[in-house]
């Protein structure tokens, strides 16, 4: 058994991992638009047509030739001949000539010959055929030209992009109802420990309910993966080996919580080492919480041994597992990227950190006198409620020995 930790920096550990695992996403699959939210586009999506498909008005008013309105004002109004009206959802058939105008509503099709729309509030009907105008407009004003949103053949969404609600709206507007996306990676989730029982069980003396499987499974879902809950395994070498072998047969990567520290009952390290080449790549990372982390590779698949303490497990998941899942979904990004929203806030108190170790603080965001402050949530890594109270984390780089009260910090939001 390897009983000593060879501690690496997080960057060193990440590089060692990615050099030894397969990060190629699976074969593309086609999904209906209503199921595509959050999926990663597998190929550039080109616009099959212009959007909008016709030039139209963005205001209620009158379609005009802009040059006919130049110089018009309340003191010196202009006059145009009304020759028709554009009805919504219909072809604009009446062609506008010099000195002529057509009434139009927002979204109406711009008639031939018109190049602008004069807003209704700057007009007054003198008679059904005569319009007084008190303001001029420039060419293109209050209109959207054909293809102004996107032109036929233009790349609308690039390969490797995550589909958002606005993306689905644009695709719908172009008549695209099926999208080719990368498959969602399957992630095996295993908890280890003789003391663990399922959440629905009543714990006996010395037993605790499994916190890590539901929490880690939810993190998998947030990153676009599919969690495969493989249950609780006792601290037994053969049982864990059998479970991990089964996991490797059905999942794209494996996440095990517990059994990563140095101890007589921690067997995860030995099992990963035996299952395949290269086996264990990293045992120990200069990060708090989560120093006794295991990063391994079996058959090109990443195998993660996370600490058993819930806080440590979730933070190490964010640092190492999340980027791998995102890459396997087809998302193009740096593997040390956190992929989440951030806010900037002032730290509410001094926080010390050991040089050479990357610290991840749990913080809650509070507003004081119009400013956002990050208040550290202190507590041991076995206390899950410290994560519940927190809104995100603040990273203290290994090159710093702490942060000062009032210092502006980046908060990575949960």
Protein backbone atom coordinates (compact mmCIF):
# COMPACT_ATOMS: atom_id res chain seq x y z
CA UNK A 1 0.00 0.00 0.00
CA UNK A 2 1.18 3.52 -0.79
CA UNK A 3 1.06 5.10 2.64
CA UNK A 4 2.67 8.47 1.98
CA UNK A 5 1.13 11.41 0.18
CA UNK A 6 3.21 12.97 -2.59
CA UNK A 7 1.56 16.38 -2.50
CA UNK A 8 1.24 18.34 -5.75
CA UNK A 9 -0.17 21.78 -6.45
CA UNK A 10 -3.69 21.82 -7.94
CA UNK A 11 -2.30 22.87 -11.34
CA UNK A 12 0.32 20.11 -11.30
CA UNK A 13 -2.32 17.56 -10.30
CA UNK A 14 -4.72 18.71 -13.04
CA UNK A 15 -2.02 18.53 -15.71
CA UNK A 16 -0.99 15.04 -14.62
CA UNK A 17 -4.59 13.92 -14.77
CA UNK A 18 -5.45 15.30 -18.21
CA UNK A 19 -2.30 13.78 -19.71
CA UNK A 20 -3.58 10.32 -18.81
CA UNK A 21 -7.33 10.36 -19.50
CA UNK A 22 -9.50 10.41 -22.59
CA UNK A 23 -11.38 13.69 -22.85
CA UNK A 24 -13.01 13.03 -26.23
CA UNK A 25 -16.81 13.35 -26.04
CA UNK A 26 -19.01 10.55 -27.36
CA UNK A 27 -20.77 10.40 -30.72
CA UNK A 28 -23.28 13.12 -31.50
CA UNK A 29 -26.97 12.60 -30.88
CA UNK A 30 -29.95 14.57 -32.18
CA UNK A 31 -32.45 15.96 -29.69
CA UNK A 32 -35.63 18.02 -30.09
CA UNK A 33 -35.33 21.71 -29.36
CA UNK A 34 -37.43 21.50 -26.20
CA UNK A 35 -34.90 19.05 -24.70
CA UNK A 36 -31.77 20.91 -25.80
CA UNK A 37 -31.41 23.46 -22.98
CA UNK A 38 -27.96 23.18 -21.39
CA UNK A 39 -26.69 20.71 -23.97
CA UNK A 40 -23.45 21.28 -25.87
CA UNK A 41 -23.67 21.86 -29.61
CA UNK A 42 -21.79 19.20 -31.57
CA UNK A 43 -21.31 21.14 -34.80
CA UNK A 44 -21.55 24.71 -36.03
CA UNK A 45 -25.18 25.64 -36.61
CA UNK A 46 -25.61 27.66 -39.80
CA UNK A 47 -28.65 29.80 -40.44
CA UNK A 48 -30.79 28.24 -43.19
CA UNK A 49 -32.38 31.60 -44.02
CA UNK A 50 -32.37 35.30 -43.27
CA UNK A 51 -33.79 36.40 -39.92
CA UNK A 52 -35.99 38.31 -40.10
CA UNK A 53 -37.14 37.11 -43.47
CA UNK A 54 -38.43 40.56 -44.42
CA UNK A 55 -37.71 44.18 -43.50
CA UNK A 56 -40.17 45.35 -40.87
CA UNK A 57 -41.17 48.19 -38.59
CA UNK A 58 -40.15 48.39 -34.94
CA UNK A 59 -42.68 51.13 -34.14
CA UNK A 60 -46.31 52.03 -34.74
CA UNK A 61 -46.31 54.83 -37.30
CA UNK A 62 -45.91 55.48 -41.01
CA UNK A 63 -43.53 53.93 -43.53
CA UNK A 64 -41.76 56.66 -45.48
CA UNK A 65 -38.89 57.53 -47.76
CA UNK A 66 -36.58 59.18 -45.24
CA UNK A 67 -35.57 61.99 -47.59
CA UNK A 68 -39.21 63.18 -47.71
CA UNK A 69 -39.06 63.95 -43.96
CA UNK A 70 -35.81 65.95 -43.83
CA UNK A 71 -36.27 69.36 -42.26
CA UNK A 72 -39.74 68.71 -40.86
CA UNK A 73 -40.39 70.29 -37.44
CA UNK A 74 -43.24 71.64 -35.34
CA UNK A 75 -42.53 75.11 -36.72
CA UNK A 76 -42.25 73.92 -40.31
CA UNK A 77 -44.24 70.68 -40.67
CA UNK A 78 -44.10 68.46 -43.71
CA UNK A 79 -46.96 66.81 -45.54
CA UNK A 80 -47.22 63.33 -47.09
CA UNK A 81 -49.94 61.56 -49.03
CA UNK A 82 -51.34 58.44 -47.34
CA UNK A 83 -51.72 55.69 -49.98
CA UNK A 84 -52.57 52.66 -47.85
CA UNK A 85 -52.00 50.58 -44.74
CA UNK A 86 -49.89 47.49 -43.99
CA UNK A 87 -51.94 44.90 -42.09
CA UNK A 88 -50.16 42.57 -39.65
CA UNK A 89 -49.23 39.18 -41.05
CA UNK A 90 -49.85 40.24 -44.63
CA UNK A 91 -47.71 41.07 -47.65
CA UNK A 92 -47.02 44.80 -48.08
CA UNK A 93 -48.19 45.27 -51.64
CA UNK A 94 -48.45 49.06 -51.98
CA UNK A 95 -45.27 50.64 -53.31
CA UNK A 96 -44.33 54.02 -51.84
CA UNK A 97 -43.28 56.77 -54.19
CA UNK A 98 -41.83 60.23 -53.42
CA UNK A 99 -44.08 62.21 -51.07
CA UNK A 100 -46.14 59.14 -50.15
CA UNK A 101 -46.58 57.12 -46.94
CA UNK A 102 -48.31 53.99 -45.66
CA UNK A 103 -49.64 53.40 -42.16
CA UNK A 104 -47.84 50.53 -40.39
CA UNK A 105 -47.86 48.78 -37.00
CA UNK A 106 -44.95 47.38 -35.02
CA UNK A 107 -43.73 44.23 -36.73
CA UNK A 108 -45.47 45.08 -39.99
CA UNK A 109 -43.72 44.40 -43.30
CA UNK A 110 -41.96 47.45 -44.72
CA UNK A 111 -43.56 48.24 -48.10
CA UNK A 112 -41.52 48.53 -51.30
CA UNK A 113 -39.89 51.95 -51.68
CA UNK A 114 -39.88 52.72 -47.93
CA UNK A 115 -36.59 52.93 -46.00
CA UNK A 116 -37.73 54.27 -42.60
CA UNK A 117 -40.69 54.52 -40.23
CA UNK A 118 -41.88 57.75 -38.64
CA UNK A 119 -43.25 57.23 -35.13
CA UNK A 120 -46.99 57.81 -34.69
CA UNK A 121 -46.53 60.54 -32.04
CA UNK A 122 -44.78 62.81 -34.57
CA UNK A 123 -47.70 62.72 -37.01
CA UNK A 124 -51.24 64.00 -37.34
CA UNK A 125 -53.83 62.97 -39.90
CA UNK A 126 -55.19 66.08 -41.62
CA UNK A 127 -57.54 63.89 -43.67
CA UNK A 128 -57.69 60.19 -44.61
CA UNK A 129 -55.28 61.00 -47.48
CA UNK A 130 -53.09 63.68 -45.91
CA UNK A 131 -50.54 63.31 -43.08
CA UNK A 132 -48.75 66.12 -41.25
CA UNK A 133 -45.29 65.31 -39.86
CA UNK A 134 -43.30 67.34 -37.33
CA UNK A 135 -40.01 65.43 -37.20
CA UNK A 136 -37.62 63.89 -39.69
CA UNK A 137 -36.14 60.39 -39.69
CA UNK A 138 -32.94 58.96 -41.16
CA UNK A 139 -32.71 55.97 -43.50
CA UNK A 140 -33.25 52.71 -41.61
CA UNK A 141 -34.65 54.43 -38.51
CA UNK A 142 -37.29 52.44 -36.59
CA UNK A 143 -36.86 49.44 -38.87
CA UNK A 144 -35.14 46.07 -38.92
CA UNK A 145 -33.86 45.08 -42.34
CA UNK A 146 -34.11 41.60 -43.76
CA UNK A 147 -31.25 39.45 -42.44
CA UNK A 148 -30.17 42.09 -39.90
CA UNK A 149 -30.44 39.56 -37.05
CA UNK A 150 -28.70 36.74 -38.91
CA UNK A 151 -28.06 36.14 -42.60
CA UNK A 152 -28.50 32.90 -44.48
CA UNK A 153 -25.37 30.74 -44.19
CA UNK A 154 -24.00 32.66 -41.19
CA UNK A 155 -22.72 30.68 -38.17
CA UNK A 156 -25.35 31.25 -35.52
CA UNK A 157 -24.02 28.97 -32.75
CA UNK A 158 -20.52 27.53 -32.67
CA UNK A 159 -19.57 23.95 -31.90
CA UNK A 160 -18.84 23.48 -28.21
CA UNK A 161 -21.31 26.16 -27.08
CA UNK A 162 -23.79 25.53 -24.27
CA UNK A 163 -27.36 26.11 -25.40
CA UNK A 164 -29.17 28.85 -23.46
CA UNK A 165 -32.84 29.97 -23.58
CA UNK A 166 -32.01 32.76 -26.04
CA UNK A 167 -30.23 30.28 -28.30
CA UNK A 168 -33.31 28.07 -28.40
CA UNK A 169 -35.40 31.12 -29.27
CA UNK A 170 -33.13 31.99 -32.20
CA UNK A 171 -33.19 28.39 -33.47
CA UNK A 172 -36.96 28.32 -33.23
CA UNK A 173 -37.18 31.56 -35.20
CA UNK A 174 -35.21 29.88 -37.99
CA UNK A 175 -37.37 26.76 -38.01
CA UNK A 176 -34.64 24.56 -36.53
CA UNK A 177 -36.40 22.02 -34.32
CA UNK A 178 -33.69 19.32 -33.98
CA UNK A 179 -30.15 19.94 -32.73
CA UNK A 180 -27.06 17.73 -32.85
CA UNK A 181 -25.41 17.71 -29.44
CA UNK A 182 -22.73 15.80 -27.59
CA UNK A 183 -24.00 13.02 -25.28
CA UNK A 184 -24.12 13.65 -21.56
CA UNK A 185 -21.31 11.76 -19.81
CA UNK A 186 -22.29 9.10 -17.30
CA UNK A 187 -20.65 9.49 -13.89
CA UNK A 188 -20.59 6.64 -11.38
CA UNK A 189 -21.07 7.89 -7.81
CA UNK A 190 -19.89 5.63 -4.97
CA UNK A 191 -19.73 6.30 -1.23
CA UNK A 192 -17.49 4.21 1.02
CA UNK A 193 -17.46 3.62 4.77
CA UNK A 194 -18.61 1.05 7.32
CA UNK A 195 -20.40 3.83 9.19
CA UNK A 196 -22.64 4.89 6.29
CA UNK A 197 -26.31 4.00 5.85
CA UNK A 198 -28.75 5.17 3.12
CA UNK A 199 -30.60 8.48 3.69
CA UNK A 200 -33.91 6.67 4.32
CA UNK A 201 -32.44 4.50 7.09
CA UNK A 202 -32.48 5.22 10.81
CA UNK A 203 -28.81 5.32 11.86
CA UNK A 204 -27.74 3.05 14.67
CA UNK A 205 -24.98 3.79 17.17
CA UNK A 206 -21.89 5.02 15.35
CA UNK A 207 -23.69 5.23 12.00
CA UNK A 208 -24.43 8.28 9.81
CA UNK A 209 -26.58 8.81 6.74
CA UNK A 210 -24.85 9.15 3.38
CA UNK A 211 -24.55 12.85 2.54
CA UNK A 212 -22.02 12.61 -0.27
CA UNK A 213 -23.90 10.57 -2.87
CA UNK A 214 -26.89 12.94 -3.18
CA UNK A 215 -24.65 16.02 -3.04
CA UNK A 216 -22.12 14.74 -5.57
CA UNK A 217 -24.86 13.40 -7.83
CA UNK A 218 -26.45 16.85 -7.85
CA UNK A 219 -23.09 18.41 -8.77
CA UNK A 220 -22.83 15.95 -11.66
CA UNK A 221 -26.24 17.08 -12.93
CA UNK A 222 -25.28 20.75 -12.62
CA UNK A 223 -22.29 20.13 -14.89
CA UNK A 224 -24.37 18.36 -17.53
CA UNK A 225 -23.57 14.77 -16.61
CA UNK A 226 -25.80 11.83 -15.72
CA UNK A 227 -25.13 10.43 -12.23
CA UNK A 228 -25.23 6.68 -11.78
CA UNK A 229 -25.82 6.08 -8.07
CA UNK A 230 -24.03 2.85 -7.23
CA UNK A 231 -24.68 2.99 -3.50
CA UNK A 232 -22.57 2.50 -0.40
CA UNK A 233 -19.60 0.16 -0.19
CA UNK A 234 -18.09 -1.07 3.05
CA UNK A 235 -14.38 -0.60 3.79
CA UNK A 236 -13.57 -3.91 2.18
CA UNK A 237 -11.01 -4.32 -0.58
CA UNK A 238 -12.81 -6.96 -2.64
CA UNK A 239 -16.21 -5.27 -2.37
CA UNK A 240 -14.81 -1.91 -3.48
CA UNK A 241 -12.81 -3.49 -6.31
CA UNK A 242 -15.91 -5.25 -7.61
CA UNK A 243 -17.96 -2.05 -7.40
CA UNK A 244 -15.36 0.09 -9.21
CA UNK A 245 -14.94 -2.55 -11.93
CA UNK A 246 -18.69 -2.52 -12.49
CA UNK A 247 -18.66 1.29 -12.54
CA UNK A 248 -15.93 1.42 -15.17
CA UNK A 249 -18.03 -0.84 -17.37
CA UNK A 250 -21.00 1.49 -17.46
CA UNK A 251 -19.70 5.02 -16.78
CA UNK A 252 -17.37 7.52 -18.45
CA UNK A 253 -15.72 8.40 -15.12
CA UNK A 254 -15.94 7.27 -11.52
CA UNK A 255 -16.21 9.36 -8.36
CA UNK A 256 -15.61 7.68 -5.00
CA UNK A 257 -15.95 9.54 -1.73
CA UNK A 258 -14.19 8.35 1.40
CA UNK A 259 -11.17 6.12 1.77
CA UNK A 260 -8.65 8.57 0.32
CA UNK A 261 -6.60 9.39 3.41
CA UNK A 262 -3.69 7.42 4.84
CA UNK A 263 -5.08 4.78 7.18
CA UNK A 264 -5.35 1.05 7.67
CA UNK A 265 -8.98 0.93 6.53
CA UNK A 266 -8.63 3.24 3.49
CA UNK A 267 -8.51 0.85 0.55
CA UNK A 268 -9.45 3.12 -2.38
CA UNK A 269 -5.83 3.85 -3.21
CA UNK A 270 -4.89 0.17 -3.48
CA UNK A 271 -7.93 -0.72 -5.57
CA UNK A 272 -7.35 2.03 -8.15
CA UNK A 273 -3.67 1.13 -8.32
CA UNK A 274 -4.44 -2.51 -9.07
CA UNK A 275 -7.30 -2.01 -11.53
CA UNK A 276 -5.25 -0.66 -14.42
CA UNK A 277 -2.35 1.24 -15.84
CA UNK A 278 -1.36 3.92 -14.92
CA UNK A 279 -3.66 3.61 -11.89
CA UNK A 280 -3.04 6.22 -9.22
CA UNK A 281 -1.62 9.42 -10.69
CA UNK A 282 -1.92 11.77 -7.72
CA UNK A 283 -2.32 11.14 -4.02
CA UNK A 284 -2.32 14.41 -2.16
CA UNK A 285 -2.95 17.95 -3.37
CA UNK A 286 -1.81 21.18 -1.73
CA UNK A 287 -5.34 22.42 -1.16
CA UNK A 288 -7.58 22.96 1.83
CA UNK A 289 -9.99 21.37 2.35
CA UNK A 290 -9.24 18.14 0.53
CA UNK A 291 -5.52 17.43 0.78
CA UNK A 292 -5.79 13.57 0.66
CA UNK A 293 -7.35 13.57 -2.82
CA UNK A 294 -6.72 10.70 -5.23
CA UNK A 295 -6.66 11.23 -9.00
CA UNK A 296 -6.35 8.10 -11.09
CA UNK A 297 -6.82 6.70 -14.57
CA UNK A 298 -8.03 3.24 -15.56
CA UNK A 299 -8.37 2.44 -19.27
CA UNK A 300 -8.33 6.14 -20.09
CA UNK A 301 -11.21 6.86 -17.71
CA UNK A 302 -10.73 9.24 -14.80
CA UNK A 303 -11.21 7.77 -11.32
CA UNK A 304 -11.48 10.24 -8.45
CA UNK A 305 -11.01 9.42 -4.79
CA UNK A 306 -12.57 12.31 -2.88
CA UNK A 307 -12.23 12.84 0.87
CA UNK A 308 -15.10 11.53 2.95
CA UNK A 309 -15.90 14.82 4.67
CA UNK A 310 -18.79 16.43 2.73
CA UNK A 311 -17.27 19.90 2.42
CA UNK A 312 -13.94 18.53 1.22
CA UNK A 313 -15.66 16.19 -1.24
CA UNK A 314 -17.78 18.95 -2.79
CA UNK A 315 -14.95 21.46 -3.09
CA UNK A 316 -12.54 18.90 -4.58
CA UNK A 317 -15.32 17.93 -6.98
CA UNK A 318 -15.54 21.55 -8.14
CA UNK A 319 -11.78 21.83 -8.56
CA UNK A 320 -11.05 18.58 -10.41
CA UNK A 321 -14.17 16.62 -11.37
CA UNK A 322 -16.35 19.41 -12.73
CA UNK A 323 -13.90 20.51 -15.45
CA UNK A 324 -13.51 16.92 -16.68
CA UNK A 325 -17.28 16.43 -16.89
CA UNK A 326 -17.67 19.72 -18.77
CA UNK A 327 -15.00 18.70 -21.28
CA UNK A 328 -16.69 15.31 -21.78
CA UNK A 329 -19.97 17.12 -22.49
CA UNK A 330 -18.17 18.80 -25.40
CA UNK A 331 -17.86 22.21 -23.76
CA UNK A 332 -14.67 23.93 -24.86
CA UNK A 333 -12.90 25.52 -21.93
CA UNK A 334 -9.77 25.39 -19.82
CA UNK A 335 -9.70 22.42 -17.46
CA UNK A 336 -8.98 24.56 -14.39
CA UNK A 337 -11.92 26.83 -15.15
CA UNK A 338 -14.79 26.71 -12.66
CA UNK A 339 -17.52 27.31 -15.24
CA UNK A 340 -19.68 29.29 -12.80
CA UNK A 341 -20.74 32.89 -12.29
CA UNK A 342 -18.63 35.11 -10.07
CA UNK A 343 -19.19 38.32 -8.14
CA UNK A 344 -16.70 40.66 -6.52
CA UNK A 345 -17.06 41.51 -2.85
CA UNK A 346 -15.07 42.90 0.07
CA UNK A 347 -13.80 40.37 2.60
CA UNK A 348 -15.24 41.06 6.05
CA UNK A 349 -12.28 39.81 8.12
CA UNK A 350 -8.61 38.83 7.92
CA UNK A 351 -8.07 35.23 6.81
CA UNK A 352 -4.70 33.52 7.20
CA UNK A 353 -3.45 30.81 4.87
CA UNK A 354 -0.37 28.60 4.82
CA UNK A 355 2.08 29.49 2.07
CA UNK A 356 2.29 26.81 -0.61
CA UNK A 357 -1.32 25.68 -0.11
CA UNK A 358 -4.39 26.78 -2.07
CA UNK A 359 -7.24 27.53 0.34
CA UNK A 360 -10.91 27.62 -0.62
CA UNK A 361 -13.02 29.62 1.83
CA UNK A 362 -16.76 29.23 2.13
CA UNK A 363 -18.39 32.66 2.24
CA UNK A 364 -21.83 34.19 2.58
CA UNK A 365 -22.67 37.41 0.73
CA UNK A 366 -24.24 40.26 2.66
CA UNK A 367 -25.04 43.83 1.71
CA UNK A 368 -23.89 46.63 4.00
CA UNK A 369 -24.40 50.30 3.17
CA UNK A 370 -24.70 49.61 -0.53
CA UNK A 371 -21.62 47.36 -0.74
CA UNK A 372 -21.38 43.57 -1.07
CA UNK A 373 -19.29 41.86 1.60
CA UNK A 374 -18.07 38.26 1.74
CA UNK A 375 -18.30 36.84 5.25
CA UNK A 376 -16.26 33.64 5.81
CA UNK A 377 -18.27 30.66 7.04
CA UNK A 378 -15.98 28.93 9.49
CA UNK A 379 -16.30 25.30 10.49
CA UNK A 380 -14.83 21.86 10.05
CA UNK A 381 -14.97 20.10 6.68
CA UNK A 382 -17.32 17.46 8.07
CA UNK A 383 -20.08 20.03 8.69
CA UNK A 384 -22.33 20.13 5.61
CA UNK A 385 -24.33 23.11 6.92
CA UNK A 386 -21.31 25.34 6.40
CA UNK A 387 -21.93 24.76 2.69
CA UNK A 388 -25.66 25.36 3.12
CA UNK A 389 -25.00 28.77 4.69
CA UNK A 390 -22.47 29.75 2.03
CA UNK A 391 -23.20 31.42 -1.31
CA UNK A 392 -19.85 30.51 -2.83
CA UNK A 393 -16.12 30.17 -2.28
CA UNK A 394 -13.09 32.44 -2.34
CA UNK A 395 -9.75 31.03 -3.42
CA UNK A 396 -6.58 32.06 -1.62
CA UNK A 397 -3.71 31.32 -4.03
CA UNK A 398 -0.80 29.24 -2.78
CA UNK A 399 1.56 32.20 -3.21
CA UNK A 400 -0.34 34.26 -0.62
CA UNK A 401 -0.33 33.88 3.16
CA UNK A 402 -3.85 35.16 3.54
CA UNK A 403 -6.29 37.92 2.74
CA UNK A 404 -6.94 41.18 4.55
CA UNK A 405 -10.25 42.56 5.74
CA UNK A 406 -11.67 44.95 3.14
CA UNK A 407 -9.74 43.30 0.31
CA UNK A 408 -11.69 42.87 -2.91
CA UNK A 409 -12.12 39.16 -3.62
CA UNK A 410 -13.68 37.07 -6.39
CA UNK A 411 -16.50 34.89 -5.11
CA UNK A 412 -17.25 31.80 -7.19
CA UNK A 413 -20.97 31.28 -6.75
CA UNK A 414 -22.51 27.89 -6.04
